[in-house]
Amino acid sequence: MKKLFNILFVTLGIIFFLLILAGVYLYVADPYGIKPLIQQLSGQATPMSPTPTSPTTPTEQKNTTASTNPLLSPTQEQTLEKLGIDTATLPTSITPAMEACFYTKLGITRADEIKHGATPTAGDYFAARSCL
């Protein structure tokens, strides 16, 4: 019985060690591009300056939050910004190849919903980011 427990705990220890190694590899190599999301959630993202560099009026401040991507609705933009995605870096036009890729990755129904203004989820973004 003692030998059985010894084998069990050694096996579990090896599995635990391999899981730790896999986690370190995924964090360091970042093959899925989730490190910026983790850094933002843990508060390590580069903070924005709380005060503007030049004095602005409230109407000027309202204009600075204007749409940075003409293809996105305001709610879509807000959702993507909450996920840590800079909407200014997204393409401003969709090619037929991109559209076909979206339909393949997300499915016809979900791609049409997003195209007509539904807010994308984090899963939608991570599934379709290779299309961008």
N, C-alpha and C. Protein backbone atom coordinates (compact mmCIF):
# COMPACT_ATOMS: atom_id res chain seq x y z
N MET A 1 0.82 -1.20 0.00
CA MET A 1 0.00 0.00 0.00
C MET A 1 0.87 1.27 0.00
N LYS A 2 1.98 1.19 0.76
CA LYS A 2 2.87 2.33 0.83
C LYS A 2 3.49 2.61 -0.54
N LYS A 3 3.82 1.57 -1.27
CA LYS A 3 4.41 1.73 -2.59
C LYS A 3 3.39 2.34 -3.56
N LEU A 4 2.12 1.98 -3.43
CA LEU A 4 1.05 2.53 -4.27
C LEU A 4 0.91 4.04 -4.05
N PHE A 5 0.92 4.46 -2.78
CA PHE A 5 0.84 5.90 -2.48
C PHE A 5 2.06 6.64 -3.01
N ASN A 6 3.21 6.03 -2.90
CA ASN A 6 4.44 6.64 -3.39
C ASN A 6 4.35 6.86 -4.90
N ILE A 7 3.91 5.85 -5.64
CA ILE A 7 3.77 5.96 -7.09
C ILE A 7 2.73 7.03 -7.44
N LEU A 8 1.61 7.05 -6.72
CA LEU A 8 0.54 8.02 -6.97
C LEU A 8 1.04 9.45 -6.79
N PHE A 9 1.72 9.71 -5.67
CA PHE A 9 2.17 11.07 -5.39
C PHE A 9 3.30 11.51 -6.32
N VAL A 10 4.17 10.61 -6.69
CA VAL A 10 5.22 10.96 -7.64
C VAL A 10 4.60 11.30 -8.99
N THR A 11 3.62 10.51 -9.42
CA THR A 11 2.94 10.77 -10.69
C THR A 11 2.23 12.12 -10.66
N LEU A 12 1.51 12.40 -9.57
CA LEU A 12 0.83 13.69 -9.45
C LEU A 12 1.83 14.85 -9.41
N GLY A 13 2.96 14.65 -8.76
CA GLY A 13 3.99 15.68 -8.72
C GLY A 13 4.55 15.98 -10.09
N ILE A 14 4.77 14.95 -10.88
CA ILE A 14 5.28 15.13 -12.24
C ILE A 14 4.25 15.87 -13.10
N ILE A 15 2.98 15.49 -12.98
CA ILE A 15 1.92 16.17 -13.74
C ILE A 15 1.85 17.64 -13.35
N PHE A 16 1.91 17.92 -12.04
CA PHE A 16 1.87 19.30 -11.57
C PHE A 16 3.06 20.10 -12.11
N PHE A 17 4.24 19.51 -12.09
CA PHE A 17 5.44 20.17 -12.62
C PHE A 17 5.29 20.46 -14.10
N LEU A 18 4.76 19.51 -14.87
CA LEU A 18 4.56 19.72 -16.31
C LEU A 18 3.54 20.82 -16.58
N LEU A 19 2.50 20.90 -15.75
CA LEU A 19 1.51 21.98 -15.91
C LEU A 19 2.14 23.35 -15.63
N ILE A 20 2.99 23.41 -14.64
CA ILE A 20 3.68 24.67 -14.35
C ILE A 20 4.58 25.06 -15.52
N LEU A 21 5.33 24.09 -16.05
CA LEU A 21 6.19 24.38 -17.20
C LEU A 21 5.37 24.85 -18.40
N ALA A 22 4.23 24.21 -18.65
CA ALA A 22 3.37 24.61 -19.77
C ALA A 22 2.85 26.03 -19.56
N GLY A 23 2.46 26.37 -18.33
CA GLY A 23 1.98 27.71 -18.04
C GLY A 23 3.05 28.77 -18.24
N VAL A 24 4.26 28.47 -17.81
CA VAL A 24 5.37 29.41 -18.00
C VAL A 24 5.65 29.59 -19.49
N TYR A 25 5.65 28.49 -20.24
CA TYR A 25 5.88 28.59 -21.69
C TYR A 25 4.80 29.44 -22.35
N LEU A 26 3.53 29.20 -22.00
CA LEU A 26 2.44 29.96 -22.62
C LEU A 26 2.53 31.44 -22.27
N TYR A 27 3.00 31.76 -21.06
CA TYR A 27 3.12 33.16 -20.68
C TYR A 27 4.30 33.83 -21.38
N VAL A 28 5.42 33.14 -21.46
CA VAL A 28 6.63 33.74 -22.04
C VAL A 28 6.53 33.80 -23.56
N ALA A 29 6.15 32.70 -24.20
CA ALA A 29 6.10 32.66 -25.67
C ALA A 29 4.88 33.40 -26.20
N ASP A 30 3.81 33.43 -25.44
CA ASP A 30 2.57 34.12 -25.80
C ASP A 30 2.07 33.75 -27.21
N PRO A 31 1.86 32.45 -27.48
CA PRO A 31 1.44 32.06 -28.83
C PRO A 31 0.01 32.48 -29.16
N TYR A 32 -0.81 32.75 -28.16
CA TYR A 32 -2.20 33.12 -28.40
C TYR A 32 -2.45 34.61 -28.25
N GLY A 33 -1.43 35.37 -27.93
CA GLY A 33 -1.56 36.82 -27.84
C GLY A 33 -2.41 37.30 -26.68
N ILE A 34 -2.38 36.59 -25.55
CA ILE A 34 -3.20 37.01 -24.42
C ILE A 34 -2.42 37.75 -23.34
N LYS A 35 -1.12 37.92 -23.53
CA LYS A 35 -0.32 38.62 -22.52
C LYS A 35 -0.79 40.06 -22.31
N PRO A 36 -1.11 40.83 -23.36
CA PRO A 36 -1.62 42.19 -23.12
C PRO A 36 -2.92 42.20 -22.32
N LEU A 37 -3.77 41.21 -22.55
CA LEU A 37 -5.02 41.13 -21.81
C LEU A 37 -4.75 40.83 -20.34
N ILE A 38 -3.82 39.92 -20.07
CA ILE A 38 -3.47 39.58 -18.69
C ILE A 38 -2.86 40.79 -17.99
N GLN A 39 -1.98 41.51 -18.70
CA GLN A 39 -1.35 42.68 -18.10
C GLN A 39 -2.37 43.77 -17.81
N GLN A 40 -3.36 43.92 -18.68
CA GLN A 40 -4.37 44.93 -18.43
C GLN A 40 -5.24 44.55 -17.24
N LEU A 41 -5.60 43.28 -17.13
CA LEU A 41 -6.44 42.84 -16.02
C LEU A 41 -5.70 42.91 -14.69
N SER A 42 -4.39 42.71 -14.71
CA SER A 42 -3.62 42.76 -13.47
C SER A 42 -3.14 44.18 -13.15
N GLY A 43 -3.45 45.14 -14.01
CA GLY A 43 -3.09 46.53 -13.75
C GLY A 43 -1.68 46.88 -14.15
N GLN A 44 -1.02 46.07 -14.97
CA GLN A 44 0.34 46.34 -15.38
C GLN A 44 0.42 47.07 -16.71
N ALA A 45 -0.70 47.34 -17.32
CA ALA A 45 -0.70 48.04 -18.61
C ALA A 45 -0.19 49.46 -18.41
N THR A 46 0.34 50.04 -19.43
CA THR A 46 0.87 51.40 -19.31
C THR A 46 -0.28 52.35 -19.02
N PRO A 47 -0.20 53.08 -17.91
CA PRO A 47 -1.29 53.97 -17.56
C PRO A 47 -1.32 55.19 -18.47
N MET A 48 -2.52 55.65 -18.73
CA MET A 48 -2.68 56.86 -19.52
C MET A 48 -2.54 58.06 -18.60
N SER A 49 -2.10 59.15 -19.13
CA SER A 49 -1.95 60.37 -18.35
C SER A 49 -3.32 60.86 -17.91
N PRO A 50 -3.53 61.07 -16.60
CA PRO A 50 -4.85 61.50 -16.14
C PRO A 50 -5.17 62.94 -16.50
N THR A 51 -4.14 63.75 -16.72
CA THR A 51 -4.38 65.14 -17.08
C THR A 51 -3.95 65.37 -18.51
N PRO A 52 -4.73 66.09 -19.28
CA PRO A 52 -4.33 66.37 -20.66
C PRO A 52 -3.11 67.28 -20.69
N THR A 53 -2.33 67.19 -21.76
CA THR A 53 -1.12 68.00 -21.86
C THR A 53 -1.43 69.45 -22.17
N SER A 54 -2.56 69.71 -22.80
CA SER A 54 -2.95 71.09 -23.06
C SER A 54 -4.37 71.28 -22.54
N PRO A 55 -4.68 72.48 -22.06
CA PRO A 55 -6.03 72.69 -21.55
C PRO A 55 -7.06 72.56 -22.67
N THR A 56 -8.13 71.86 -22.38
CA THR A 56 -9.20 71.68 -23.37
C THR A 56 -10.53 72.04 -22.75
N THR A 57 -11.44 72.40 -23.59
CA THR A 57 -12.79 72.68 -23.12
C THR A 57 -13.58 71.39 -23.14
N PRO A 58 -14.71 71.32 -22.46
CA PRO A 58 -15.50 70.09 -22.46
C PRO A 58 -15.92 69.64 -23.86
N THR A 59 -16.17 70.58 -24.78
CA THR A 59 -16.56 70.16 -26.13
C THR A 59 -15.38 69.53 -26.85
N GLU A 60 -14.16 70.04 -26.60
CA GLU A 60 -12.98 69.43 -27.21
C GLU A 60 -12.73 68.04 -26.65
N GLN A 61 -12.99 67.86 -25.34
CA GLN A 61 -12.82 66.55 -24.74
C GLN A 61 -13.82 65.57 -25.33
N LYS A 62 -15.02 66.03 -25.62
CA LYS A 62 -16.02 65.16 -26.21
C LYS A 62 -15.59 64.71 -27.60
N ASN A 63 -14.93 65.57 -28.34
CA ASN A 63 -14.48 65.23 -29.68
C ASN A 63 -13.31 64.26 -29.66
N THR A 64 -12.52 64.24 -28.59
CA THR A 64 -11.38 63.32 -28.54
C THR A 64 -11.84 61.88 -28.36
N THR A 65 -13.05 61.66 -27.86
CA THR A 65 -13.55 60.31 -27.70
C THR A 65 -14.36 59.87 -28.90
N ALA A 66 -14.20 60.57 -30.00
CA ALA A 66 -14.94 60.23 -31.21
C ALA A 66 -14.49 58.89 -31.74
N SER A 67 -15.24 58.38 -32.67
CA SER A 67 -14.97 57.07 -33.24
C SER A 67 -13.59 57.03 -33.89
N THR A 68 -12.82 56.00 -33.53
CA THR A 68 -11.49 55.84 -34.13
C THR A 68 -11.52 54.87 -35.29
N ASN A 69 -12.64 54.18 -35.49
CA ASN A 69 -12.77 53.25 -36.60
C ASN A 69 -14.16 53.40 -37.20
N PRO A 70 -14.26 53.78 -38.46
CA PRO A 70 -15.57 54.05 -39.05
C PRO A 70 -16.44 52.80 -39.23
N LEU A 71 -15.87 51.62 -39.17
CA LEU A 71 -16.66 50.40 -39.36
C LEU A 71 -17.36 49.93 -38.09
N LEU A 72 -16.98 50.48 -36.94
CA LEU A 72 -17.51 50.01 -35.67
C LEU A 72 -18.55 50.96 -35.10
N SER A 73 -19.57 50.38 -34.48
CA SER A 73 -20.55 51.20 -33.76
C SER A 73 -19.91 51.61 -32.43
N PRO A 74 -20.46 52.63 -31.77
CA PRO A 74 -19.88 53.05 -30.48
C PRO A 74 -19.85 51.93 -29.44
N THR A 75 -20.90 51.10 -29.39
CA THR A 75 -20.90 50.01 -28.41
C THR A 75 -19.85 48.95 -28.76
N GLN A 76 -19.67 48.69 -30.05
CA GLN A 76 -18.63 47.74 -30.45
C GLN A 76 -17.25 48.28 -30.08
N GLU A 77 -17.05 49.58 -30.29
CA GLU A 77 -15.77 50.19 -29.94
C GLU A 77 -15.50 50.11 -28.45
N GLN A 78 -16.52 50.42 -27.64
CA GLN A 78 -16.36 50.37 -26.20
C GLN A 78 -16.03 48.96 -25.74
N THR A 79 -16.71 47.97 -26.30
CA THR A 79 -16.47 46.58 -25.91
C THR A 79 -15.04 46.17 -26.25
N LEU A 80 -14.59 46.50 -27.45
CA LEU A 80 -13.23 46.13 -27.84
C LEU A 80 -12.19 46.86 -27.00
N GLU A 81 -12.45 48.12 -26.64
CA GLU A 81 -11.51 48.85 -25.80
C GLU A 81 -11.46 48.26 -24.40
N LYS A 82 -12.60 47.77 -23.89
CA LYS A 82 -12.61 47.11 -22.58
C LYS A 82 -11.81 45.82 -22.61
N LEU A 83 -11.75 45.18 -23.76
CA LEU A 83 -10.96 43.95 -23.91
C LEU A 83 -9.47 44.26 -24.09
N GLY A 84 -9.12 45.54 -24.18
CA GLY A 84 -7.73 45.93 -24.34
C GLY A 84 -7.26 46.01 -25.78
N ILE A 85 -8.19 46.18 -26.70
CA ILE A 85 -7.86 46.23 -28.12
C ILE A 85 -7.92 47.68 -28.58
N ASP A 86 -6.86 48.15 -29.19
CA ASP A 86 -6.82 49.51 -29.73
C ASP A 86 -7.58 49.51 -31.05
N THR A 87 -8.74 50.15 -31.07
CA THR A 87 -9.58 50.14 -32.27
C THR A 87 -8.98 50.93 -33.41
N ALA A 88 -8.03 51.80 -33.12
CA ALA A 88 -7.38 52.56 -34.19
C ALA A 88 -6.48 51.67 -35.04
N THR A 89 -6.04 50.55 -34.48
CA THR A 89 -5.16 49.65 -35.23
C THR A 89 -5.94 48.65 -36.08
N LEU A 90 -7.24 48.59 -35.90
CA LEU A 90 -8.05 47.67 -36.71
C LEU A 90 -8.21 48.23 -38.12
N PRO A 91 -8.39 47.38 -39.11
CA PRO A 91 -8.53 47.88 -40.49
C PRO A 91 -9.79 48.73 -40.65
N THR A 92 -9.70 49.73 -41.52
CA THR A 92 -10.85 50.62 -41.76
C THR A 92 -11.67 50.18 -42.95
N SER A 93 -11.24 49.14 -43.64
CA SER A 93 -12.04 48.57 -44.72
C SER A 93 -11.88 47.05 -44.68
N ILE A 94 -12.94 46.37 -45.05
CA ILE A 94 -12.95 44.91 -45.03
C ILE A 94 -12.89 44.40 -46.46
N THR A 95 -11.90 43.60 -46.75
CA THR A 95 -11.77 43.01 -48.09
C THR A 95 -12.65 41.77 -48.18
N PRO A 96 -12.99 41.32 -49.37
CA PRO A 96 -13.78 40.08 -49.50
C PRO A 96 -13.08 38.87 -48.88
N ALA A 97 -11.76 38.83 -48.92
CA ALA A 97 -11.04 37.72 -48.30
C ALA A 97 -11.20 37.75 -46.78
N MET A 98 -11.16 38.96 -46.19
CA MET A 98 -11.37 39.09 -44.75
C MET A 98 -12.77 38.65 -44.37
N GLU A 99 -13.74 39.08 -45.15
CA GLU A 99 -15.13 38.73 -44.88
C GLU A 99 -15.33 37.22 -44.95
N ALA A 100 -14.74 36.57 -45.94
CA ALA A 100 -14.84 35.11 -46.06
C ALA A 100 -14.19 34.43 -44.86
N CYS A 101 -13.07 34.98 -44.39
CA CYS A 101 -12.40 34.43 -43.22
C CYS A 101 -13.28 34.56 -41.98
N PHE A 102 -13.93 35.72 -41.81
CA PHE A 102 -14.84 35.92 -40.67
C PHE A 102 -15.97 34.89 -40.69
N TYR A 103 -16.55 34.68 -41.87
CA TYR A 103 -17.64 33.72 -41.98
C TYR A 103 -17.15 32.31 -41.65
N THR A 104 -15.92 32.00 -42.01
CA THR A 104 -15.38 30.67 -41.72
C THR A 104 -15.10 30.51 -40.23
N LYS A 105 -14.50 31.52 -39.62
CA LYS A 105 -14.09 31.43 -38.22
C LYS A 105 -15.28 31.55 -37.25
N LEU A 106 -16.20 32.49 -37.54
CA LEU A 106 -17.28 32.78 -36.60
C LEU A 106 -18.60 32.10 -36.96
N GLY A 107 -18.75 31.70 -38.19
CA GLY A 107 -20.02 31.15 -38.63
C GLY A 107 -20.84 32.26 -39.28
N ILE A 108 -21.72 31.86 -40.17
CA ILE A 108 -22.50 32.84 -40.94
C ILE A 108 -23.39 33.68 -40.04
N THR A 109 -24.07 33.03 -39.10
CA THR A 109 -25.02 33.75 -38.24
C THR A 109 -24.32 34.80 -37.38
N ARG A 110 -23.25 34.39 -36.68
CA ARG A 110 -22.57 35.31 -35.77
C ARG A 110 -21.87 36.43 -36.54
N ALA A 111 -21.27 36.12 -37.68
CA ALA A 111 -20.60 37.16 -38.48
C ALA A 111 -21.62 38.19 -38.97
N ASP A 112 -22.81 37.73 -39.39
CA ASP A 112 -23.85 38.67 -39.81
C ASP A 112 -24.33 39.53 -38.64
N GLU A 113 -24.44 38.93 -37.44
CA GLU A 113 -24.87 39.70 -36.27
C GLU A 113 -23.87 40.82 -35.97
N ILE A 114 -22.60 40.50 -36.00
CA ILE A 114 -21.56 41.50 -35.72
C ILE A 114 -21.54 42.55 -36.82
N LYS A 115 -21.73 42.12 -38.05
CA LYS A 115 -21.75 43.04 -39.19
C LYS A 115 -22.88 44.05 -39.06
N HIS A 116 -23.99 43.62 -38.45
CA HIS A 116 -25.16 44.50 -38.31
C HIS A 116 -25.19 45.25 -36.98
N GLY A 117 -24.07 45.19 -36.20
CA GLY A 117 -23.97 46.03 -35.01
C GLY A 117 -23.95 45.32 -33.68
N ALA A 118 -24.03 43.99 -33.63
CA ALA A 118 -23.95 43.29 -32.35
C ALA A 118 -22.54 43.44 -31.78
N THR A 119 -22.45 43.47 -30.45
CA THR A 119 -21.13 43.65 -29.85
C THR A 119 -20.38 42.32 -29.84
N PRO A 120 -19.12 42.34 -30.26
CA PRO A 120 -18.33 41.10 -30.26
C PRO A 120 -17.88 40.72 -28.85
N THR A 121 -17.74 39.44 -28.62
CA THR A 121 -17.23 38.96 -27.34
C THR A 121 -15.73 38.74 -27.45
N ALA A 122 -15.11 38.47 -26.33
CA ALA A 122 -13.67 38.17 -26.35
C ALA A 122 -13.41 36.93 -27.18
N GLY A 123 -14.29 35.95 -27.08
CA GLY A 123 -14.14 34.73 -27.88
C GLY A 123 -14.22 35.01 -29.37
N ASP A 124 -15.13 35.91 -29.75
CA ASP A 124 -15.24 36.29 -31.16
C ASP A 124 -13.93 36.92 -31.64
N TYR A 125 -13.39 37.82 -30.83
CA TYR A 125 -12.15 38.50 -31.23
C TYR A 125 -11.00 37.51 -31.37
N PHE A 126 -10.83 36.64 -30.36
CA PHE A 126 -9.71 35.71 -30.41
C PHE A 126 -9.88 34.69 -31.53
N ALA A 127 -11.12 34.34 -31.86
CA ALA A 127 -11.34 33.39 -32.96
C ALA A 127 -11.04 34.03 -34.31
N ALA A 128 -11.37 35.31 -34.46
CA ALA A 128 -11.27 35.95 -35.78
C ALA A 128 -10.09 36.90 -35.92
N ARG A 129 -9.23 36.99 -34.93
CA ARG A 129 -8.12 37.95 -35.04
C ARG A 129 -7.14 37.61 -36.15
N SER A 130 -7.07 36.34 -36.55
CA SER A 130 -6.17 35.98 -37.65
C SER A 130 -6.68 36.52 -38.98
N CYS A 131 -7.96 36.87 -39.03
CA CYS A 131 -8.54 37.42 -40.26
C CYS A 131 -8.15 38.88 -40.45
N LEU A 132 -7.77 39.55 -39.38
CA LEU A 132 -7.43 40.97 -39.46
C LEU A 132 -6.01 41.09 -39.92
